[in-house]
Amino acid sequence: MPRRSLDTGVELRGRLIRLRPFGPDEAEEAWNGLSLQDESAHPRRRPEDRRAEPSAAFLRSIGHSGRMWRGCLELAIDRRGRLVGQIQARTAPKQTLPPGVFEIGVVLYRPRDRGKGYGREAVELLTGWLFDHSAAGRVQATTAADNVPMRAVLERVGYRFEGILRAYGPAGTGAEPGARGDGAMYAVVRSDRDG
C-alpha cells in the first residue's frame, strides 16, 4: 500500500477504497455531501456552516487536505474515482488534546455507500497510518451512542469502548431544537497494536 509523507500529501490505498487529498474541484461536492448529514453526525456550529455554498473555512481546509494543517489531516474517501465521503484526524491545536492523541471522524455522504466496508477500511487505514507515521500513542473516536453501525465498525477494527459521554453533542434528526444526545467514546492505544 503506497504511503506518502505529510510533506507531499498522504495517500492510502486499501482493497475497497483510497484515501487521498481532495481535488480542487471537489469542494462543492464534499460540502453538499456534508449537508446531507444529520446534525449529530455533522454539527453546524456557525451560521456559515448552514449556507448552500462552501464556507471560506471549509475551502481552506479542503485546499490543505492530504497534509496536517493546524492540527487536522483531511482526506477524501474515493471508491474507484468516485468521492463517497471524507475522514479526518484532529489533534492539537485543532482540538485541546494532549500530545500524541488524535481524534478521528468519518462521514460517508450517501446511504447507498454505507454498509459496504468503505468506512471500516477508511478507519483502519488512517488509524494504522497515524500509529506508523506520526507520534500517535492514542487514536480515539466518538459517535452517537445510538449509532450502532459506527460502533460496530470501531470495534471490528480494534477500538475499545471506553464509556458513554452524557449530553455530548447535538441530538439527531427528529429531536427538539437544542436537544443533546449521548456519545460513545472508543479508542485504540499503541500497546493494543504492539501487543
C-alpha atoms as a PDB file:
ATOM      1  CA  MET A   1       0.000   0.000   0.000  1.00  0.00           C
ATOM      2  CA  PRO A   2       1.805   3.183  -1.147  1.00  0.00           C
ATOM      3  CA  ARG A   3       2.014   5.850   1.538  1.00  0.00           C
ATOM      4  CA  ARG A   4       3.327   9.355   1.116  1.00  0.00           C
ATOM      5  CA  SER A   5       4.598  11.600   3.884  1.00  0.00           C
ATOM      6  CA  LEU A   6       2.853  14.660   5.285  1.00  0.00           C
ATOM      7  CA  ASP A   7       5.179  16.853   3.191  1.00  0.00           C
ATOM      8  CA  THR A   8       3.882  15.577  -0.160  1.00  0.00           C
ATOM      9  CA  GLY A   9       0.368  14.592   0.838  1.00  0.00           C
ATOM     10  CA  VAL A  10      -0.972  11.414   2.351  1.00  0.00           C
ATOM     11  CA  GLU A  11      -2.470   8.790   0.087  1.00  0.00           C
ATOM     12  CA  LEU A  12      -3.503   5.377   1.410  1.00  0.00           C
ATOM     13  CA  ARG A  13      -4.809   2.529  -0.709  1.00  0.00           C
ATOM     14  CA  GLY A  14      -6.975  -0.257   0.552  1.00  0.00           C
ATOM     15  CA  ARG A  15      -8.804  -3.107  -1.127  1.00  0.00           C
ATOM     16  CA  LEU A  16     -12.096  -1.183  -1.454  1.00  0.00           C
ATOM     17  CA  ILE A  17     -11.221   2.494  -1.215  1.00  0.00           C
ATOM     18  CA  ARG A  18      -8.421   5.015  -1.495  1.00  0.00           C
ATOM     19  CA  LEU A  19      -7.800   7.861   0.950  1.00  0.00           C
ATOM     20  CA  ARG A  20      -6.351  10.866  -0.868  1.00  0.00           C
ATOM     21  CA  PRO A  21      -6.246  14.660  -0.851  1.00  0.00           C
ATOM     22  CA  PHE A  22      -9.349  16.359  -2.212  1.00  0.00           C
ATOM     23  CA  GLY A  23      -9.129  17.630  -5.775  1.00  0.00           C
ATOM     24  CA  PRO A  24      -9.523  21.378  -6.330  1.00  0.00           C
ATOM     25  CA  ASP A  25     -12.913  20.834  -7.993  1.00  0.00           C
ATOM     26  CA  GLU A  26     -14.402  18.654  -5.199  1.00  0.00           C
ATOM     27  CA  ALA A  27     -15.160  21.292  -2.553  1.00  0.00           C
ATOM     28  CA  GLU A  28     -18.775  21.800  -3.610  1.00  0.00           C
ATOM     29  CA  GLU A  29     -19.439  18.062  -3.861  1.00  0.00           C
ATOM     30  CA  ALA A  30     -17.956  17.493  -0.392  1.00  0.00           C
ATOM     31  CA  TRP A  31     -19.944  20.432   1.041  1.00  0.00           C
ATOM     32  CA  ASN A  32     -23.160  19.047  -0.442  1.00  0.00           C
ATOM     33  CA  GLY A  33     -22.343  15.590   0.930  1.00  0.00           C
ATOM     34  CA  LEU A  34     -21.890  17.011   4.417  1.00  0.00           C
ATOM     35  CA  SER A  35     -25.147  18.962   4.148  1.00  0.00           C
ATOM     36  CA  LEU A  36     -26.988  15.626   3.794  1.00  0.00           C
ATOM     37  CA  GLN A  37     -25.798  14.542   7.249  1.00  0.00           C
ATOM     38  CA  ASP A  38     -27.791  14.582  10.440  1.00  0.00           C
ATOM     39  CA  GLU A  39     -26.755  17.267  12.963  1.00  0.00           C
ATOM     40  CA  SER A  40     -25.343  14.574  15.283  1.00  0.00           C
ATOM     41  CA  ALA A  41     -23.036  13.321  12.511  1.00  0.00           C
ATOM     42  CA  HIS A  42     -22.053  16.762  11.208  1.00  0.00           C
ATOM     43  CA  PRO A  43     -22.806  19.588  13.656  1.00  0.00           C
ATOM     44  CA  ARG A  44     -23.249  23.046  12.145  1.00  0.00           C
ATOM     45  CA  ARG A  45     -21.768  25.292  14.813  1.00  0.00           C
ATOM     46  CA  ARG A  46     -21.523  28.537  12.843  1.00  0.00           C
ATOM     47  CA  PRO A  47     -24.091  30.275  10.618  1.00  0.00           C
ATOM     48  CA  GLU A  48     -21.831  29.849   7.565  1.00  0.00           C
ATOM     49  CA  ASP A  49     -21.992  26.060   8.084  1.00  0.00           C
ATOM     50  CA  ARG A  50     -25.667  26.214   7.040  1.00  0.00           C
ATOM     51  CA  ARG A  51     -25.210  28.088   3.762  1.00  0.00           C
ATOM     52  CA  ALA A  52     -25.741  26.481   0.376  1.00  0.00           C
ATOM     53  CA  GLU A  53     -22.203  27.304  -0.795  1.00  0.00           C
ATOM     54  CA  PRO A  54     -18.983  26.145   0.908  1.00  0.00           C
ATOM     55  CA  SER A  55     -17.698  28.442   3.641  1.00  0.00           C
ATOM     56  CA  ALA A  56     -14.278  30.074   3.380  1.00  0.00           C
ATOM     57  CA  ALA A  57     -13.038  27.947   6.291  1.00  0.00           C
ATOM     58  CA  PHE A  58     -14.191  24.773   4.535  1.00  0.00           C
ATOM     59  CA  LEU A  59     -12.488  25.811   1.285  1.00  0.00           C
ATOM     60  CA  ARG A  60      -9.237  26.423   3.203  1.00  0.00           C
ATOM     61  CA  SER A  61      -9.402  23.009   4.878  1.00  0.00           C
ATOM     62  CA  ILE A  62     -10.079  21.272   1.553  1.00  0.00           C
ATOM     63  CA  GLY A  63      -7.193  23.228  -0.003  1.00  0.00           C
ATOM     64  CA  HIS A  64      -4.853  21.874   2.680  1.00  0.00           C
ATOM     65  CA  SER A  65      -6.173  18.309   2.518  1.00  0.00           C
ATOM     66  CA  GLY A  66      -3.673  15.496   2.386  1.00  0.00           C
ATOM     67  CA  ARG A  67      -1.333  17.062   4.925  1.00  0.00           C
ATOM     68  CA  MET A  68      -1.512  18.067   8.558  1.00  0.00           C
ATOM     69  CA  TRP A  69      -2.673  21.687   8.735  1.00  0.00           C
ATOM     70  CA  ARG A  70      -3.398  23.401  12.037  1.00  0.00           C
ATOM     71  CA  GLY A  71      -3.739  20.029  13.727  1.00  0.00           C
ATOM     72  CA  CYS A  72      -6.079  18.493  11.159  1.00  0.00           C
ATOM     73  CA  LEU A  73      -5.486  15.931   8.418  1.00  0.00           C
ATOM     74  CA  GLU A  74      -8.421  15.848   5.984  1.00  0.00           C
ATOM     75  CA  LEU A  75      -8.706  13.104   3.334  1.00  0.00           C
ATOM     76  CA  ALA A  76     -11.240  12.221   0.659  1.00  0.00           C
ATOM     77  CA  ILE A  77     -12.643   8.685   0.558  1.00  0.00           C
ATOM     78  CA  ASP A  78     -12.518   7.583  -3.062  1.00  0.00           C
ATOM     79  CA  ARG A  79     -14.226   4.489  -4.444  1.00  0.00           C
ATOM     80  CA  ARG A  80     -12.996   3.805  -7.991  1.00  0.00           C
ATOM     81  CA  GLY A  81     -12.732   7.510  -8.840  1.00  0.00           C
ATOM     82  CA  ARG A  82     -15.971   8.498  -7.090  1.00  0.00           C
ATOM     83  CA  LEU A  83     -15.945  10.706  -3.976  1.00  0.00           C
ATOM     84  CA  VAL A  84     -18.000   8.824  -1.378  1.00  0.00           C
ATOM     85  CA  GLY A  85     -17.002  10.569   1.859  1.00  0.00           C
ATOM     86  CA  GLN A  86     -14.250  12.020   3.954  1.00  0.00           C
ATOM     87  CA  ILE A  87     -12.196  11.181   7.013  1.00  0.00           C
ATOM     88  CA  GLN A  88     -10.105  13.370   9.235  1.00  0.00           C
ATOM     89  CA  ALA A  89      -7.694  13.122  12.118  1.00  0.00           C
ATOM     90  CA  ARG A  90      -7.579  16.019  14.559  1.00  0.00           C
ATOM     91  CA  THR A  91      -5.012  16.818  17.233  1.00  0.00           C
ATOM     92  CA  ALA A  92      -3.665  19.945  18.936  1.00  0.00           C
ATOM     93  CA  PRO A  93      -4.083  22.824  18.184  1.00  0.00           C
ATOM     94  CA  LYS A  94      -7.312  21.923  16.303  1.00  0.00           C
ATOM     95  CA  GLN A  95      -8.540  20.222  19.460  1.00  0.00           C
ATOM     96  CA  THR A  96      -7.324  20.558  23.010  1.00  0.00           C
ATOM     97  CA  LEU A  97      -5.786  17.110  23.135  1.00  0.00           C
ATOM     98  CA  PRO A  98      -2.527  16.066  24.789  1.00  0.00           C
ATOM     99  CA  PRO A  99       0.494  15.378  22.553  1.00  0.00           C
ATOM    100  CA  GLY A 100       0.208  12.043  20.743  1.00  0.00           C
ATOM    101  CA  VAL A 101      -3.601  11.885  20.938  1.00  0.00           C
ATOM    102  CA  PHE A 102      -5.655  12.037  17.736  1.00  0.00           C
ATOM    103  CA  GLU A 103      -9.431  12.050  17.269  1.00  0.00           C
ATOM    104  CA  ILE A 104     -10.802  10.709  14.005  1.00  0.00           C
ATOM    105  CA  GLY A 105     -14.117  11.344  12.307  1.00  0.00           C
ATOM    106  CA  VAL A 106     -15.531   9.704   9.196  1.00  0.00           C
ATOM    107  CA  VAL A 107     -18.543  10.535   7.017  1.00  0.00           C
ATOM    108  CA  LEU A 108     -19.949   8.580   4.101  1.00  0.00           C
ATOM    109  CA  TYR A 109     -22.154  11.053   2.278  1.00  0.00           C
ATOM    110  CA  ARG A 110     -24.940   8.838   0.943  1.00  0.00           C
ATOM    111  CA  PRO A 111     -26.793   5.899   2.480  1.00  0.00           C
ATOM    112  CA  ARG A 112     -26.142   3.773  -0.639  1.00  0.00           C
ATOM    113  CA  ASP A 113     -22.403   3.771   0.226  1.00  0.00           C
ATOM    114  CA  ARG A 114     -22.875   2.610   3.815  1.00  0.00           C
ATOM    115  CA  GLY A 115     -22.661  -0.993   4.917  1.00  0.00           C
ATOM    116  CA  LYS A 116     -20.193  -1.908   2.144  1.00  0.00           C
ATOM    117  CA  GLY A 117     -16.982  -1.744   4.182  1.00  0.00           C
ATOM    118  CA  TYR A 118     -15.804   1.671   2.915  1.00  0.00           C
ATOM    119  CA  GLY A 119     -15.995   3.354   6.332  1.00  0.00           C
ATOM    120  CA  ARG A 120     -14.377   0.389   8.077  1.00  0.00           C
ATOM    121  CA  GLU A 121     -11.479   0.361   5.653  1.00  0.00           C
ATOM    122  CA  ALA A 122     -11.061   4.149   5.888  1.00  0.00           C
ATOM    123  CA  VAL A 123     -10.874   3.996   9.703  1.00  0.00           C
ATOM    124  CA  GLU A 124      -8.472   1.065   9.562  1.00  0.00           C
ATOM    125  CA  LEU A 125      -6.168   2.738   7.007  1.00  0.00           C
ATOM    126  CA  LEU A 126      -5.997   6.094   8.769  1.00  0.00           C
ATOM    127  CA  THR A 127      -5.595   4.574  12.233  1.00  0.00           C
ATOM    128  CA  GLY A 128      -2.703   2.414  11.019  1.00  0.00           C
ATOM    129  CA  TRP A 129      -1.085   5.382   9.315  1.00  0.00           C
ATOM    130  CA  LEU A 130      -1.331   7.529  12.461  1.00  0.00           C
ATOM    131  CA  PHE A 131       0.442   4.864  14.516  1.00  0.00           C
ATOM    132  CA  ASP A 132       3.032   4.066  11.852  1.00  0.00           C
ATOM    133  CA  HIS A 133       3.845   7.580  10.569  1.00  0.00           C
ATOM    134  CA  SER A 134       3.044  10.063  13.322  1.00  0.00           C
ATOM    135  CA  ALA A 135       3.588  10.383  17.034  1.00  0.00           C
ATOM    136  CA  ALA A 136       0.237   8.765  17.854  1.00  0.00           C
ATOM    137  CA  GLY A 137       0.064   6.983  21.172  1.00  0.00           C
ATOM    138  CA  ARG A 138      -3.743   7.017  21.203  1.00  0.00           C
ATOM    139  CA  VAL A 139      -6.385   7.366  18.486  1.00  0.00           C
ATOM    140  CA  GLN A 140      -9.943   7.933  19.619  1.00  0.00           C
ATOM    141  CA  ALA A 141     -13.347   8.310  18.029  1.00  0.00           C
ATOM    142  CA  THR A 142     -16.692   9.412  19.402  1.00  0.00           C
ATOM    143  CA  THR A 143     -20.011   8.605  17.809  1.00  0.00           C
ATOM    144  CA  ALA A 144     -23.639   8.998  18.806  1.00  0.00           C
ATOM    145  CA  ALA A 145     -24.426   6.338  21.400  1.00  0.00           C
ATOM    146  CA  ASP A 146     -27.266   5.041  19.224  1.00  0.00           C
ATOM    147  CA  ASN A 147     -25.103   4.814  16.067  1.00  0.00           C
ATOM    148  CA  VAL A 148     -24.882   1.018  16.142  1.00  0.00           C
ATOM    149  CA  PRO A 149     -23.240   0.634  12.686  1.00  0.00           C
ATOM    150  CA  MET A 150     -20.375   3.018  13.510  1.00  0.00           C
ATOM    151  CA  ARG A 151     -19.850   1.447  16.916  1.00  0.00           C
ATOM    152  CA  ALA A 152     -19.583  -1.961  15.232  1.00  0.00           C
ATOM    153  CA  VAL A 153     -17.027  -0.577  12.738  1.00  0.00           C
ATOM    154  CA  LEU A 154     -14.848   0.789  15.540  1.00  0.00           C
ATOM    155  CA  GLU A 155     -14.979  -2.469  17.474  1.00  0.00           C
ATOM    156  CA  ARG A 156     -14.233  -4.501  14.330  1.00  0.00           C
ATOM    157  CA  VAL A 157     -11.011  -2.578  13.673  1.00  0.00           C
ATOM    158  CA  GLY A 158      -9.737  -2.862  17.245  1.00  0.00           C
ATOM    159  CA  TYR A 159     -11.061   0.197  19.070  1.00  0.00           C
ATOM    160  CA  ARG A 160     -12.218  -0.417  22.629  1.00  0.00           C
ATOM    161  CA  PHE A 161     -15.371   1.042  24.125  1.00  0.00           C
ATOM    162  CA  GLU A 162     -14.425   3.383  26.975  1.00  0.00           C
ATOM    163  CA  GLY A 163     -17.787   4.756  28.052  1.00  0.00           C
ATOM    164  CA  ILE A 164     -20.812   6.930  27.435  1.00  0.00           C
ATOM    165  CA  LEU A 165     -20.404  10.703  27.348  1.00  0.00           C
ATOM    166  CA  ARG A 166     -23.734  12.085  28.546  1.00  0.00           C
ATOM    167  CA  ALA A 167     -25.249  15.015  26.588  1.00  0.00           C
ATOM    168  CA  TYR A 168     -22.097  15.040  24.448  1.00  0.00           C
ATOM    169  CA  GLY A 169     -23.342  16.518  21.182  1.00  0.00           C
ATOM    170  CA  PRO A 170     -26.362  17.708  19.241  1.00  0.00           C
ATOM    171  CA  ALA A 171     -29.169  15.156  19.142  1.00  0.00           C
ATOM    172  CA  GLY A 172     -30.043  13.652  15.780  1.00  0.00           C
ATOM    173  CA  THR A 173     -32.879  14.200  13.365  1.00  0.00           C
ATOM    174  CA  GLY A 174     -36.298  14.416  14.957  1.00  0.00           C
ATOM    175  CA  ALA A 175     -35.023  15.736  18.283  1.00  0.00           C
ATOM    176  CA  GLU A 176     -36.211  19.023  19.719  1.00  0.00           C
ATOM    177  CA  PRO A 177     -34.074  22.054  18.809  1.00  0.00           C
ATOM    178  CA  GLY A 178     -31.158  22.362  21.222  1.00  0.00           C
ATOM    179  CA  ALA A 179     -31.517  18.774  22.471  1.00  0.00           C
ATOM    180  CA  ARG A 180     -28.289  16.954  23.228  1.00  0.00           C
ATOM    181  CA  GLY A 181     -27.515  13.295  22.665  1.00  0.00           C
ATOM    182  CA  ASP A 182     -25.131  10.904  24.353  1.00  0.00           C
ATOM    183  CA  GLY A 183     -21.855   9.905  22.744  1.00  0.00           C
ATOM    184  CA  ALA A 184     -19.922   6.656  22.877  1.00  0.00           C
ATOM    185  CA  MET A 185     -16.143   7.006  23.262  1.00  0.00           C
ATOM    186  CA  TYR A 186     -13.828   4.462  21.659  1.00  0.00           C
ATOM    187  CA  ALA A 187     -10.040   4.373  21.489  1.00  0.00           C
ATOM    188  CA  VAL A 188      -7.085   2.281  20.464  1.00  0.00           C
ATOM    189  CA  VAL A 189      -3.658   2.827  22.034  1.00  0.00           C
ATOM    190  CA  ARG A 190      -0.230   1.896  20.738  1.00  0.00           C
ATOM    191  CA  SER A 191       0.134  -1.022  23.182  1.00  0.00           C
ATOM    192  CA  ASP A 192      -3.111  -2.533  21.802  1.00  0.00           C
ATOM    193  CA  ARG A 193      -1.459  -2.727  18.381  1.00  0.00           C
ATOM    194  CA  ASP A 194       2.026  -3.708  19.541  1.00  0.00           C
ATOM    195  CA  GLY A 195       0.825  -6.350  21.991  1.00  0.00           C
END
